[in-house]
Amino acid sequence: MWERLRYDRYWRSRASDWSYGINIIDQAISSGLYRTVLDAGCGRGDVVAHLLRQGYQACGVELSAHAVSHGVVKTGEVMQGSLDKLPFPDRSFDLVFSSEVLEHIAADRIPVVVRELVRICRTRLFLTISLRPSSQNNAFHVTLHPRHWWEDQFLQAGVHTNRTLVDRWQQRGPFTNREVLERGPASAIIDEMETFIAQKPYSFCGELEPWYFVFDR
């Protein structure tokens, strides 16, 4: 309950319907032939609306009741709910999409959420997961782990990484952690990153944000 109220406050403070996922969804749907798509953690539903306009059978799930009730999709395609108990039968969606959501979920709940996302997926999961702290002294990114940790969560749930698709979009270079943060959206809050750079034990392996994760059955 407290988490839902927290994100209700978050969405009330946002003046825009824009979400990070709108930058990623066209890449996701270009990766295969899909008919049904779920946006897991859809915010106000702008990705769902974008998909519906293109003729997909799309819907979304969002924790924040405020985001759902004040969203851009008004016809029931977006529902309020938690990702650890999705109200869909097994293999309901050709494509399960999620962008910048899982890092907001506590680590002890991640295995259940991952199993649910895999359970309802028929073909492919296409995600971006932030590996860096958030603003406000990391007020929102409560689970921070390197790529291999996240990949292990999905492998244990029974899917495998599609390296070809990850390599297609993941930007890489011989960058230090500081250079990765300075080149990405975190650059505006780099002063808050000093502790992370000094103390966090993992490396970004030179990968720039957004961090792509693609899994197939």
N, C-alpha and C. Protein backbone atom coordinates (compact mmCIF):
# COMPACT_ATOMS: atom_id res chain seq x y z
N MET A 1 0.82 -1.20 0.00
CA MET A 1 0.00 0.00 0.00
C MET A 1 0.86 1.26 0.00
N TRP A 2 1.90 1.28 0.87
CA TRP A 2 2.74 2.48 0.94
C TRP A 2 3.43 2.74 -0.39
N GLU A 3 3.80 1.67 -1.09
CA GLU A 3 4.47 1.85 -2.39
C GLU A 3 3.51 2.47 -3.41
N ARG A 4 2.26 2.00 -3.41
CA ARG A 4 1.29 2.56 -4.34
C ARG A 4 1.05 4.04 -4.04
N LEU A 5 0.92 4.39 -2.77
CA LEU A 5 0.71 5.79 -2.40
C LEU A 5 1.91 6.64 -2.79
N ARG A 6 3.09 6.07 -2.65
CA ARG A 6 4.31 6.80 -3.02
C ARG A 6 4.29 7.15 -4.51
N TYR A 7 3.89 6.19 -5.33
CA TYR A 7 3.89 6.46 -6.77
C TYR A 7 2.66 7.23 -7.21
N ASP A 8 1.60 7.20 -6.43
CA ASP A 8 0.51 8.14 -6.67
C ASP A 8 1.02 9.57 -6.52
N ARG A 9 1.79 9.82 -5.47
CA ARG A 9 2.36 11.16 -5.27
C ARG A 9 3.31 11.52 -6.40
N TYR A 10 4.09 10.53 -6.83
CA TYR A 10 5.03 10.76 -7.92
C TYR A 10 4.30 11.19 -9.18
N TRP A 11 3.23 10.48 -9.55
CA TRP A 11 2.51 10.81 -10.79
C TRP A 11 1.73 12.11 -10.66
N ARG A 12 1.26 12.45 -9.46
CA ARG A 12 0.61 13.74 -9.28
C ARG A 12 1.57 14.89 -9.53
N SER A 13 2.86 14.67 -9.28
CA SER A 13 3.85 15.73 -9.42
C SER A 13 4.32 15.91 -10.86
N ARG A 14 3.94 15.00 -11.75
CA ARG A 14 4.39 15.05 -13.14
C ARG A 14 3.38 15.82 -13.99
N ALA A 15 3.88 16.81 -14.70
CA ALA A 15 3.00 17.63 -15.54
C ALA A 15 2.79 17.03 -16.92
N SER A 16 3.61 16.03 -17.28
CA SER A 16 3.57 15.49 -18.64
C SER A 16 3.09 14.04 -18.64
N ASP A 17 2.47 13.63 -19.74
CA ASP A 17 2.09 12.24 -19.93
C ASP A 17 3.22 11.42 -20.52
N TRP A 18 4.32 12.07 -20.86
CA TRP A 18 5.45 11.39 -21.50
C TRP A 18 6.08 10.38 -20.55
N SER A 19 6.57 9.28 -21.10
CA SER A 19 7.33 8.32 -20.31
C SER A 19 8.55 7.87 -21.10
N TYR A 20 9.52 7.34 -20.39
CA TYR A 20 10.75 6.86 -21.00
C TYR A 20 10.46 5.82 -22.08
N GLY A 21 9.48 4.96 -21.82
CA GLY A 21 9.21 3.85 -22.72
C GLY A 21 8.82 4.25 -24.12
N ILE A 22 8.29 5.46 -24.30
CA ILE A 22 7.88 5.87 -25.64
C ILE A 22 9.08 5.97 -26.57
N ASN A 23 10.28 6.13 -26.01
CA ASN A 23 11.50 6.15 -26.82
C ASN A 23 11.94 4.75 -27.23
N ILE A 24 11.44 3.73 -26.55
CA ILE A 24 11.95 2.37 -26.71
C ILE A 24 10.97 1.47 -27.44
N ILE A 25 9.69 1.75 -27.36
CA ILE A 25 8.68 0.79 -27.82
C ILE A 25 8.79 0.49 -29.31
N ASP A 26 9.14 1.45 -30.14
CA ASP A 26 9.26 1.16 -31.57
C ASP A 26 10.40 0.18 -31.85
N GLN A 27 11.46 0.26 -31.08
CA GLN A 27 12.52 -0.73 -31.21
C GLN A 27 12.00 -2.11 -30.83
N ALA A 28 11.23 -2.16 -29.75
CA ALA A 28 10.71 -3.45 -29.29
C ALA A 28 9.81 -4.09 -30.33
N ILE A 29 8.86 -3.35 -30.88
CA ILE A 29 7.91 -3.97 -31.82
C ILE A 29 8.55 -4.24 -33.17
N SER A 30 9.68 -3.59 -33.46
CA SER A 30 10.39 -3.88 -34.70
C SER A 30 11.19 -5.17 -34.62
N SER A 31 11.27 -5.77 -33.43
CA SER A 31 12.12 -6.95 -33.23
C SER A 31 11.44 -8.25 -33.62
N GLY A 32 10.17 -8.21 -34.04
CA GLY A 32 9.47 -9.44 -34.41
C GLY A 32 8.06 -9.13 -34.87
N LEU A 33 7.30 -10.17 -35.13
CA LEU A 33 5.90 -10.04 -35.54
C LEU A 33 5.04 -10.34 -34.32
N TYR A 34 4.36 -9.33 -33.83
CA TYR A 34 3.57 -9.46 -32.62
C TYR A 34 2.14 -8.97 -32.87
N ARG A 35 1.22 -9.54 -32.15
CA ARG A 35 -0.17 -9.09 -32.21
C ARG A 35 -0.60 -8.54 -30.86
N THR A 36 -0.25 -9.23 -29.78
CA THR A 36 -0.65 -8.82 -28.44
C THR A 36 0.57 -8.34 -27.66
N VAL A 37 0.42 -7.20 -26.98
CA VAL A 37 1.54 -6.58 -26.26
C VAL A 37 1.05 -6.10 -24.90
N LEU A 38 1.84 -6.37 -23.86
CA LEU A 38 1.60 -5.82 -22.53
C LEU A 38 2.71 -4.86 -22.18
N ASP A 39 2.34 -3.67 -21.68
CA ASP A 39 3.30 -2.75 -21.09
C ASP A 39 3.20 -2.89 -19.58
N ALA A 40 4.22 -3.47 -18.98
CA ALA A 40 4.23 -3.75 -17.55
C ALA A 40 4.88 -2.58 -16.81
N GLY A 41 4.06 -1.86 -16.04
CA GLY A 41 4.50 -0.63 -15.42
C GLY A 41 4.35 0.51 -16.39
N CYS A 42 3.11 0.74 -16.84
CA CYS A 42 2.84 1.58 -18.02
C CYS A 42 2.62 3.04 -17.70
N GLY A 43 2.67 3.44 -16.42
CA GLY A 43 2.43 4.84 -16.11
C GLY A 43 1.05 5.27 -16.57
N ARG A 44 0.97 6.38 -17.26
CA ARG A 44 -0.32 6.92 -17.73
C ARG A 44 -0.78 6.30 -19.05
N GLY A 45 0.00 5.39 -19.58
CA GLY A 45 -0.47 4.63 -20.73
C GLY A 45 -0.11 5.17 -22.09
N ASP A 46 0.89 6.04 -22.17
CA ASP A 46 1.21 6.61 -23.48
C ASP A 46 1.75 5.56 -24.45
N VAL A 47 2.49 4.57 -23.93
CA VAL A 47 2.97 3.49 -24.80
C VAL A 47 1.79 2.66 -25.30
N VAL A 48 0.86 2.35 -24.41
CA VAL A 48 -0.34 1.59 -24.81
C VAL A 48 -1.11 2.35 -25.89
N ALA A 49 -1.30 3.64 -25.70
CA ALA A 49 -2.00 4.44 -26.70
C ALA A 49 -1.28 4.42 -28.04
N HIS A 50 0.03 4.51 -28.00
CA HIS A 50 0.85 4.47 -29.21
C HIS A 50 0.66 3.14 -29.95
N LEU A 51 0.62 2.05 -29.20
CA LEU A 51 0.44 0.73 -29.81
C LEU A 51 -0.97 0.57 -30.37
N LEU A 52 -1.96 1.04 -29.64
CA LEU A 52 -3.34 0.92 -30.12
C LEU A 52 -3.53 1.67 -31.42
N ARG A 53 -2.90 2.82 -31.55
CA ARG A 53 -3.01 3.60 -32.79
C ARG A 53 -2.43 2.84 -33.98
N GLN A 54 -1.49 1.94 -33.69
CA GLN A 54 -0.87 1.17 -34.77
C GLN A 54 -1.55 -0.18 -35.01
N GLY A 55 -2.63 -0.44 -34.29
CA GLY A 55 -3.41 -1.63 -34.53
C GLY A 55 -3.05 -2.84 -33.70
N TYR A 56 -2.18 -2.69 -32.71
CA TYR A 56 -1.85 -3.80 -31.83
C TYR A 56 -2.96 -4.00 -30.79
N GLN A 57 -3.10 -5.22 -30.32
CA GLN A 57 -3.95 -5.51 -29.17
C GLN A 57 -3.07 -5.29 -27.93
N ALA A 58 -3.17 -4.11 -27.38
CA ALA A 58 -2.25 -3.70 -26.32
C ALA A 58 -3.00 -3.35 -25.06
N CYS A 59 -2.36 -3.61 -23.93
CA CYS A 59 -2.89 -3.18 -22.65
C CYS A 59 -1.72 -2.95 -21.70
N GLY A 60 -2.02 -2.35 -20.55
CA GLY A 60 -0.98 -2.04 -19.59
C GLY A 60 -1.42 -2.29 -18.17
N VAL A 61 -0.44 -2.48 -17.31
CA VAL A 61 -0.66 -2.60 -15.87
C VAL A 61 0.21 -1.57 -15.18
N GLU A 62 -0.38 -0.85 -14.22
CA GLU A 62 0.33 0.22 -13.51
C GLU A 62 -0.07 0.20 -12.04
N LEU A 63 0.93 0.33 -11.16
CA LEU A 63 0.68 0.30 -9.72
C LEU A 63 -0.11 1.51 -9.26
N SER A 64 0.19 2.68 -9.80
CA SER A 64 -0.42 3.92 -9.34
C SER A 64 -1.84 4.08 -9.85
N ALA A 65 -2.81 4.11 -8.93
CA ALA A 65 -4.20 4.34 -9.32
C ALA A 65 -4.37 5.74 -9.91
N HIS A 66 -3.61 6.70 -9.42
CA HIS A 66 -3.70 8.05 -9.96
C HIS A 66 -3.25 8.09 -11.42
N ALA A 67 -2.16 7.41 -11.73
CA ALA A 67 -1.68 7.39 -13.12
C ALA A 67 -2.71 6.76 -14.04
N VAL A 68 -3.37 5.69 -13.57
CA VAL A 68 -4.37 5.02 -14.39
C VAL A 68 -5.59 5.92 -14.60
N SER A 69 -6.08 6.51 -13.53
CA SER A 69 -7.31 7.30 -13.62
C SER A 69 -7.11 8.62 -14.36
N HIS A 70 -5.86 9.10 -14.44
CA HIS A 70 -5.58 10.36 -15.14
C HIS A 70 -4.75 10.11 -16.39
N GLY A 71 -4.83 8.91 -16.93
CA GLY A 71 -3.99 8.55 -18.05
C GLY A 71 -4.54 8.98 -19.39
N VAL A 72 -3.79 8.62 -20.44
CA VAL A 72 -4.15 8.99 -21.80
C VAL A 72 -5.01 7.92 -22.46
N VAL A 73 -5.16 6.77 -21.82
CA VAL A 73 -6.02 5.71 -22.34
C VAL A 73 -7.23 5.61 -21.43
N LYS A 74 -8.41 5.83 -21.96
CA LYS A 74 -9.61 5.94 -21.14
C LYS A 74 -10.58 4.77 -21.33
N THR A 75 -10.22 3.80 -22.13
CA THR A 75 -11.20 2.77 -22.50
C THR A 75 -10.95 1.43 -21.84
N GLY A 76 -10.19 1.41 -20.77
CA GLY A 76 -10.01 0.17 -20.02
C GLY A 76 -8.81 -0.65 -20.40
N GLU A 77 -7.99 -0.16 -21.35
CA GLU A 77 -6.81 -0.93 -21.73
C GLU A 77 -5.69 -0.87 -20.69
N VAL A 78 -5.79 0.05 -19.75
CA VAL A 78 -4.81 0.15 -18.66
C VAL A 78 -5.52 -0.14 -17.35
N MET A 79 -4.94 -1.04 -16.56
CA MET A 79 -5.55 -1.41 -15.29
C MET A 79 -4.56 -1.19 -14.15
N GLN A 80 -5.11 -0.92 -12.98
CA GLN A 80 -4.28 -0.75 -11.79
C GLN A 80 -3.98 -2.12 -11.21
N GLY A 81 -2.72 -2.36 -10.89
CA GLY A 81 -2.35 -3.63 -10.30
C GLY A 81 -0.85 -3.73 -10.09
N SER A 82 -0.45 -4.80 -9.41
CA SER A 82 0.95 -5.03 -9.08
C SER A 82 1.53 -6.07 -10.03
N LEU A 83 2.80 -5.91 -10.36
CA LEU A 83 3.45 -6.84 -11.29
C LEU A 83 3.74 -8.19 -10.65
N ASP A 84 3.60 -8.31 -9.35
CA ASP A 84 3.86 -9.62 -8.74
C ASP A 84 2.61 -10.51 -8.69
N LYS A 85 1.50 -10.01 -9.26
CA LYS A 85 0.29 -10.84 -9.36
C LYS A 85 -0.52 -10.33 -10.55
N LEU A 86 -0.10 -10.73 -11.73
CA LEU A 86 -0.72 -10.23 -12.95
C LEU A 86 -1.99 -10.99 -13.28
N PRO A 87 -3.06 -10.29 -13.65
CA PRO A 87 -4.37 -10.93 -13.84
C PRO A 87 -4.57 -11.47 -15.26
N PHE A 88 -3.60 -12.25 -15.73
CA PHE A 88 -3.67 -12.78 -17.09
C PHE A 88 -3.32 -14.27 -17.09
N PRO A 89 -3.90 -15.05 -18.01
CA PRO A 89 -3.53 -16.46 -18.13
C PRO A 89 -2.09 -16.61 -18.64
N ASP A 90 -1.56 -17.81 -18.49
CA ASP A 90 -0.22 -18.10 -18.99
C ASP A 90 -0.12 -17.79 -20.48
N ARG A 91 1.00 -17.24 -20.89
CA ARG A 91 1.33 -16.98 -22.30
C ARG A 91 0.25 -16.15 -23.00
N SER A 92 -0.18 -15.11 -22.34
CA SER A 92 -1.24 -14.26 -22.89
C SER A 92 -0.74 -13.29 -23.95
N PHE A 93 0.56 -12.93 -23.94
CA PHE A 93 1.05 -11.85 -24.78
C PHE A 93 2.23 -12.31 -25.63
N ASP A 94 2.18 -11.94 -26.90
CA ASP A 94 3.31 -12.22 -27.77
C ASP A 94 4.56 -11.48 -27.29
N LEU A 95 4.37 -10.24 -26.88
CA LEU A 95 5.48 -9.41 -26.42
C LEU A 95 5.13 -8.80 -25.07
N VAL A 96 6.00 -9.00 -24.10
CA VAL A 96 5.89 -8.32 -22.80
C VAL A 96 6.97 -7.25 -22.76
N PHE A 97 6.53 -6.02 -22.60
CA PHE A 97 7.42 -4.85 -22.65
C PHE A 97 7.44 -4.18 -21.29
N SER A 98 8.61 -3.69 -20.89
CA SER A 98 8.71 -2.92 -19.65
C SER A 98 9.94 -2.04 -19.75
N SER A 99 9.77 -0.77 -19.42
CA SER A 99 10.88 0.17 -19.56
C SER A 99 11.06 1.00 -18.30
N GLU A 100 12.23 0.86 -17.67
CA GLU A 100 12.60 1.65 -16.49
C GLU A 100 11.61 1.43 -15.36
N VAL A 101 11.30 0.17 -15.08
CA VAL A 101 10.32 -0.17 -14.05
C VAL A 101 10.93 -1.07 -12.97
N LEU A 102 11.61 -2.13 -13.37
CA LEU A 102 11.99 -3.16 -12.39
C LEU A 102 12.94 -2.65 -11.33
N GLU A 103 13.77 -1.66 -11.65
CA GLU A 103 14.68 -1.12 -10.64
C GLU A 103 13.93 -0.39 -9.53
N HIS A 104 12.64 -0.10 -9.73
CA HIS A 104 11.83 0.55 -8.70
C HIS A 104 11.22 -0.45 -7.71
N ILE A 105 11.44 -1.73 -7.94
CA ILE A 105 10.83 -2.78 -7.12
C ILE A 105 11.88 -3.37 -6.18
N ALA A 106 11.50 -3.60 -4.93
CA ALA A 106 12.44 -4.12 -3.94
C ALA A 106 13.01 -5.47 -4.39
N ALA A 107 14.28 -5.70 -4.08
CA ALA A 107 15.00 -6.87 -4.57
C ALA A 107 14.35 -8.18 -4.14
N ASP A 108 13.76 -8.21 -2.93
CA ASP A 108 13.17 -9.47 -2.48
C ASP A 108 11.90 -9.83 -3.24
N ARG A 109 11.33 -8.87 -3.98
CA ARG A 109 10.14 -9.15 -4.79
C ARG A 109 10.47 -9.42 -6.26
N ILE A 110 11.70 -9.16 -6.65
CA ILE A 110 12.08 -9.30 -8.05
C ILE A 110 11.85 -10.72 -8.58
N PRO A 111 12.25 -11.79 -7.88
CA PRO A 111 12.03 -13.12 -8.44
C PRO A 111 10.56 -13.41 -8.76
N VAL A 112 9.65 -12.97 -7.90
CA VAL A 112 8.22 -13.20 -8.15
C VAL A 112 7.76 -12.39 -9.35
N VAL A 113 8.18 -11.14 -9.43
CA VAL A 113 7.79 -10.30 -10.56
C VAL A 113 8.32 -10.88 -11.87
N VAL A 114 9.57 -11.32 -11.86
CA VAL A 114 10.15 -11.90 -13.07
C VAL A 114 9.39 -13.16 -13.49
N ARG A 115 9.06 -14.00 -12.53
CA ARG A 115 8.30 -15.22 -12.87
C ARG A 115 6.96 -14.87 -13.47
N GLU A 116 6.31 -13.84 -12.96
CA GLU A 116 5.02 -13.42 -13.51
C GLU A 116 5.17 -12.89 -14.93
N LEU A 117 6.18 -12.09 -15.18
CA LEU A 117 6.39 -11.57 -16.52
C LEU A 117 6.68 -12.70 -17.51
N VAL A 118 7.46 -13.67 -17.08
CA VAL A 118 7.77 -14.82 -17.94
C VAL A 118 6.52 -15.67 -18.14
N ARG A 119 5.75 -15.84 -17.10
CA ARG A 119 4.56 -16.69 -17.17
C ARG A 119 3.58 -16.22 -18.24
N ILE A 120 3.37 -14.92 -18.33
CA ILE A 120 2.36 -14.41 -19.26
C ILE A 120 2.91 -14.16 -20.66
N CYS A 121 4.21 -14.41 -20.86
CA CYS A 121 4.86 -14.14 -22.13
C CYS A 121 4.82 -15.38 -23.03
N ARG A 122 4.39 -15.17 -24.27
CA ARG A 122 4.35 -16.25 -25.24
C ARG A 122 5.65 -16.36 -26.03
N THR A 123 6.24 -15.22 -26.37
CA THR A 123 7.38 -15.23 -27.29
C THR A 123 8.60 -14.49 -26.76
N ARG A 124 8.43 -13.20 -26.41
CA ARG A 124 9.60 -12.37 -26.12
C ARG A 124 9.30 -11.35 -25.03
N LEU A 125 10.32 -11.10 -24.20
CA LEU A 125 10.31 -10.00 -23.24
C LEU A 125 11.34 -8.98 -23.69
N PHE A 126 10.94 -7.73 -23.75
CA PHE A 126 11.82 -6.65 -24.19
C PHE A 126 11.77 -5.58 -23.11
N LEU A 127 12.92 -5.35 -22.43
CA LEU A 127 12.95 -4.45 -21.29
C LEU A 127 14.14 -3.52 -21.35
N THR A 128 14.00 -2.36 -20.72
CA THR A 128 15.15 -1.59 -20.30
C THR A 128 15.07 -1.49 -18.78
N ILE A 129 16.21 -1.68 -18.14
CA ILE A 129 16.30 -1.64 -16.67
C ILE A 129 17.45 -0.72 -16.33
N SER A 130 17.19 0.27 -15.51
CA SER A 130 18.26 1.19 -15.14
C SER A 130 19.20 0.55 -14.14
N LEU A 131 20.49 0.68 -14.38
CA LEU A 131 21.52 0.12 -13.49
C LEU A 131 22.15 1.20 -12.62
N ARG A 132 21.64 2.42 -12.70
CA ARG A 132 22.24 3.54 -11.96
C ARG A 132 21.28 4.06 -10.90
N PRO A 133 21.79 4.82 -9.94
CA PRO A 133 20.90 5.46 -8.97
C PRO A 133 19.99 6.48 -9.64
N SER A 134 18.92 6.82 -8.94
CA SER A 134 17.99 7.84 -9.43
C SER A 134 18.34 9.18 -8.81
N SER A 135 17.53 10.18 -9.12
CA SER A 135 17.68 11.49 -8.51
C SER A 135 17.22 11.45 -7.06
N GLN A 136 17.30 12.60 -6.41
CA GLN A 136 16.90 12.75 -5.01
C GLN A 136 17.62 11.73 -4.12
N ASN A 137 18.95 11.62 -4.36
CA ASN A 137 19.78 10.70 -3.59
C ASN A 137 19.24 9.27 -3.65
N ASN A 138 18.94 8.86 -4.87
CA ASN A 138 18.44 7.52 -5.16
C ASN A 138 17.15 7.20 -4.41
N ALA A 139 16.19 8.09 -4.55
CA ALA A 139 14.91 7.90 -3.86
C ALA A 139 14.05 6.83 -4.50
N PHE A 140 14.31 6.50 -5.77
CA PHE A 140 13.38 5.64 -6.51
C PHE A 140 13.97 4.32 -7.00
N HIS A 141 15.25 4.28 -7.31
CA HIS A 141 15.85 3.04 -7.82
C HIS A 141 16.31 2.19 -6.64
N VAL A 142 15.41 1.38 -6.15
CA VAL A 142 15.66 0.67 -4.90
C VAL A 142 16.42 -0.64 -5.09
N THR A 143 16.50 -1.13 -6.33
CA THR A 143 17.27 -2.34 -6.61
C THR A 143 18.30 -2.01 -7.67
N LEU A 144 19.56 -1.97 -7.24
CA LEU A 144 20.67 -1.65 -8.14
C LEU A 144 21.61 -2.84 -8.23
N HIS A 145 21.70 -3.40 -9.42
CA HIS A 145 22.58 -4.55 -9.66
C HIS A 145 23.12 -4.48 -11.07
N PRO A 146 24.23 -5.14 -11.34
CA PRO A 146 24.78 -5.14 -12.70
C PRO A 146 23.95 -6.00 -13.64
N ARG A 147 24.27 -5.92 -14.90
CA ARG A 147 23.53 -6.65 -15.93
C ARG A 147 23.41 -8.14 -15.62
N HIS A 148 24.53 -8.78 -15.24
CA HIS A 148 24.49 -10.25 -15.08
C HIS A 148 23.52 -10.67 -13.99
N TRP A 149 23.32 -9.83 -12.96
CA TRP A 149 22.37 -10.17 -11.90
C TRP A 149 20.96 -10.23 -12.46
N TRP A 150 20.60 -9.22 -13.24
CA TRP A 150 19.26 -9.19 -13.83
C TRP A 150 19.07 -10.35 -14.82
N GLU A 151 20.08 -10.60 -15.62
CA GLU A 151 19.95 -11.70 -16.57
C GLU A 151 19.77 -13.03 -15.85
N ASP A 152 20.47 -13.22 -14.75
CA ASP A 152 20.32 -14.46 -13.97
C ASP A 152 18.89 -14.62 -13.46
N GLN A 153 18.25 -13.52 -13.06
CA GLN A 153 16.87 -13.61 -12.58
C GLN A 153 15.95 -14.19 -13.66
N PHE A 154 16.14 -13.75 -14.89
CA PHE A 154 15.29 -14.23 -15.98
C PHE A 154 15.68 -15.62 -16.44
N LEU A 155 16.95 -15.93 -16.44
CA LEU A 155 17.37 -17.27 -16.80
C LEU A 155 16.80 -18.30 -15.84
N GLN A 156 16.80 -17.98 -14.56
CA GLN A 156 16.24 -18.88 -13.56
C GLN A 156 14.74 -19.06 -13.73
N ALA A 157 14.08 -18.10 -14.38
CA ALA A 157 12.64 -18.19 -14.62
C ALA A 157 12.31 -18.94 -15.90
N GLY A 158 13.34 -19.35 -16.66
CA GLY A 158 13.10 -20.24 -17.79
C GLY A 158 13.19 -19.65 -19.17
N VAL A 159 13.74 -18.43 -19.31
CA VAL A 159 13.94 -17.84 -20.63
C VAL A 159 15.43 -17.66 -20.87
N HIS A 160 15.81 -17.31 -22.09
CA HIS A 160 17.22 -17.10 -22.40
C HIS A 160 17.42 -15.75 -23.07
N THR A 161 18.60 -15.19 -22.88
CA THR A 161 18.91 -13.87 -23.44
C THR A 161 19.07 -13.95 -24.95
N ASN A 162 18.46 -13.00 -25.64
CA ASN A 162 18.65 -12.85 -27.08
C ASN A 162 19.80 -11.86 -27.28
N ARG A 163 21.02 -12.38 -27.37
CA ARG A 163 22.20 -11.52 -27.47
C ARG A 163 22.21 -10.72 -28.75
N THR A 164 21.69 -11.29 -29.81
CA THR A 164 21.69 -10.59 -31.09
C THR A 164 20.91 -9.28 -31.00
N LEU A 165 19.73 -9.33 -30.37
CA LEU A 165 18.92 -8.13 -30.26
C LEU A 165 19.51 -7.15 -29.25
N VAL A 166 20.05 -7.65 -28.15
CA VAL A 166 20.71 -6.74 -27.21
C VAL A 166 21.85 -6.01 -27.91
N ASP A 167 22.66 -6.76 -28.66
CA ASP A 167 23.80 -6.15 -29.34
C ASP A 167 23.35 -5.15 -30.42
N ARG A 168 22.16 -5.34 -30.96
CA ARG A 168 21.68 -4.44 -32.00
C ARG A 168 21.49 -3.02 -31.46
N TRP A 169 21.02 -2.91 -30.22
CA TRP A 169 20.67 -1.59 -29.69
C TRP A 169 21.56 -1.09 -28.56
N GLN A 170 22.23 -2.00 -27.85
CA GLN A 170 23.01 -1.55 -26.70
C GLN A 170 24.25 -0.78 -27.15
N GLN A 171 24.36 0.47 -26.71
CA GLN A 171 25.52 1.28 -27.02
C GLN A 171 26.65 0.93 -26.06
N ARG A 172 27.83 0.72 -26.63
CA ARG A 172 28.97 0.32 -25.80
C ARG A 172 30.20 1.10 -26.22
N GLY A 173 31.14 1.15 -25.31
CA GLY A 173 32.41 1.78 -25.62
C GLY A 173 33.38 1.50 -24.48
N PRO A 174 34.61 1.89 -24.59
CA PRO A 174 35.56 1.72 -23.49
C PRO A 174 35.44 2.86 -22.48
N PHE A 175 34.25 2.95 -21.84
CA PHE A 175 33.97 4.06 -20.94
C PHE A 175 34.10 3.63 -19.48
N THR A 176 34.60 4.53 -18.66
CA THR A 176 34.60 4.31 -17.21
C THR A 176 33.18 4.51 -16.67
N ASN A 177 32.96 4.07 -15.42
CA ASN A 177 31.66 4.30 -14.80
C ASN A 177 31.28 5.79 -14.83
N ARG A 178 32.23 6.65 -14.53
CA ARG A 178 31.95 8.08 -14.52
C ARG A 178 31.55 8.55 -15.91
N GLU A 179 32.25 8.10 -16.94
CA GLU A 179 31.93 8.51 -18.30
C GLU A 179 30.55 8.01 -18.71
N VAL A 180 30.20 6.79 -18.29
CA VAL A 180 28.87 6.27 -18.59
C VAL A 180 27.80 7.17 -17.99
N LEU A 181 27.97 7.54 -16.73
CA LEU A 181 26.98 8.37 -16.05
C LEU A 181 26.93 9.77 -16.65
N GLU A 182 28.07 10.31 -17.01
CA GLU A 182 28.10 11.67 -17.55
C GLU A 182 27.49 11.73 -18.95
N ARG A 183 27.52 10.66 -19.70
CA ARG A 183 26.97 10.65 -21.05
C ARG A 183 25.47 10.37 -21.07
N GLY A 184 24.93 9.81 -20.01
CA GLY A 184 23.53 9.43 -19.99
C GLY A 184 22.65 10.46 -19.31
N PRO A 185 21.37 10.13 -19.12
CA PRO A 185 20.43 11.05 -18.46
C PRO A 185 20.85 11.44 -17.05
N ALA A 186 21.72 10.63 -16.43
CA ALA A 186 22.16 10.94 -15.07
C ALA A 186 23.09 12.14 -15.00
N SER A 187 23.54 12.64 -16.15
CA SER A 187 24.52 13.73 -16.14
C SER A 187 24.03 14.96 -15.40
N ALA A 188 22.71 15.17 -15.41
CA ALA A 188 22.16 16.35 -14.73
C ALA A 188 22.25 16.25 -13.22
N ILE A 189 22.45 15.05 -12.72
CA ILE A 189 22.50 14.86 -11.26
C ILE A 189 23.81 14.20 -10.86
N ILE A 190 24.87 14.47 -11.60
CA ILE A 190 26.13 13.78 -11.37
C ILE A 190 26.67 14.03 -9.98
N ASP A 191 26.35 15.17 -9.35
CA ASP A 191 26.84 15.42 -7.99
C ASP A 191 26.35 14.36 -7.02
N GLU A 192 25.18 13.78 -7.28
CA GLU A 192 24.65 12.75 -6.41
C GLU A 192 25.29 11.39 -6.67
N MET A 193 26.15 11.29 -7.69
CA MET A 193 26.71 10.01 -8.07
C MET A 193 28.06 9.74 -7.42
N GLU A 194 28.63 10.70 -6.71
CA GLU A 194 29.97 10.52 -6.19
C GLU A 194 30.08 9.30 -5.27
N THR A 195 29.10 9.14 -4.39
CA THR A 195 29.14 7.99 -3.49
C THR A 195 29.01 6.69 -4.25
N PHE A 196 28.12 6.68 -5.24
CA PHE A 196 27.95 5.48 -6.06
C PHE A 196 29.24 5.12 -6.79
N ILE A 197 29.86 6.09 -7.41
CA ILE A 197 31.09 5.84 -8.16
C ILE A 197 32.18 5.31 -7.24
N ALA A 198 32.25 5.86 -6.03
CA ALA A 198 33.31 5.49 -5.11
C ALA A 198 33.07 4.14 -4.44
N GLN A 199 31.81 3.79 -4.17
CA GLN A 199 31.54 2.65 -3.31
C GLN A 199 30.88 1.46 -4.00
N LYS A 200 30.08 1.70 -5.05
CA LYS A 200 29.35 0.58 -5.64
C LYS A 200 30.34 -0.36 -6.34
N PRO A 201 30.30 -1.65 -6.07
CA PRO A 201 31.37 -2.53 -6.55
C PRO A 201 31.27 -2.93 -8.01
N TYR A 202 30.12 -2.72 -8.66
CA TYR A 202 30.02 -3.25 -10.01
C TYR A 202 30.35 -2.22 -11.08
N SER A 203 30.68 -2.73 -12.26
CA SER A 203 30.99 -1.90 -13.41
C SER A 203 29.84 -1.94 -14.40
N PHE A 204 29.68 -0.85 -15.16
CA PHE A 204 28.71 -0.82 -16.25
C PHE A 204 29.26 -1.49 -17.51
N CYS A 205 30.51 -1.94 -17.45
CA CYS A 205 31.15 -2.62 -18.59
C CYS A 205 31.13 -1.73 -19.84
N GLY A 206 31.18 -0.43 -19.64
CA GLY A 206 31.22 0.49 -20.76
C GLY A 206 29.92 0.66 -21.52
N GLU A 207 28.82 0.11 -21.00
CA GLU A 207 27.52 0.22 -21.67
C GLU A 207 26.82 1.51 -21.28
N LEU A 208 26.26 2.19 -22.28
CA LEU A 208 25.57 3.44 -22.03
C LEU A 208 24.07 3.21 -21.80
N GLU A 209 23.47 4.06 -21.02
CA GLU A 209 22.03 4.04 -20.81
C GLU A 209 21.31 4.45 -22.09
N PRO A 210 20.19 3.83 -22.44
CA PRO A 210 19.46 2.80 -21.70
C PRO A 210 20.10 1.43 -21.81
N TRP A 211 19.88 0.60 -20.77
CA TRP A 211 20.39 -0.74 -20.73
C TRP A 211 19.29 -1.71 -21.18
N TYR A 212 19.54 -2.39 -22.29
CA TYR A 212 18.56 -3.26 -22.92
C TYR A 212 18.68 -4.69 -22.41
N PHE A 213 17.51 -5.32 -22.24
CA PHE A 213 17.42 -6.73 -21.85
C PHE A 213 16.34 -7.37 -22.73
N VAL A 214 16.71 -8.40 -23.47
CA VAL A 214 15.76 -9.08 -24.35
C VAL A 214 15.85 -10.57 -24.08
N PHE A 215 14.70 -11.19 -23.82
CA PHE A 215 14.64 -12.61 -23.47
C PHE A 215 13.62 -13.32 -24.32
N ASP A 216 13.94 -14.55 -24.71
CA ASP A 216 13.03 -15.38 -25.51
C ASP A 216 12.72 -16.67 -24.78
N ARG A 217 11.54 -17.21 -25.07
CA ARG A 217 11.20 -18.53 -24.56
C ARG A 217 11.95 -19.60 -25.33
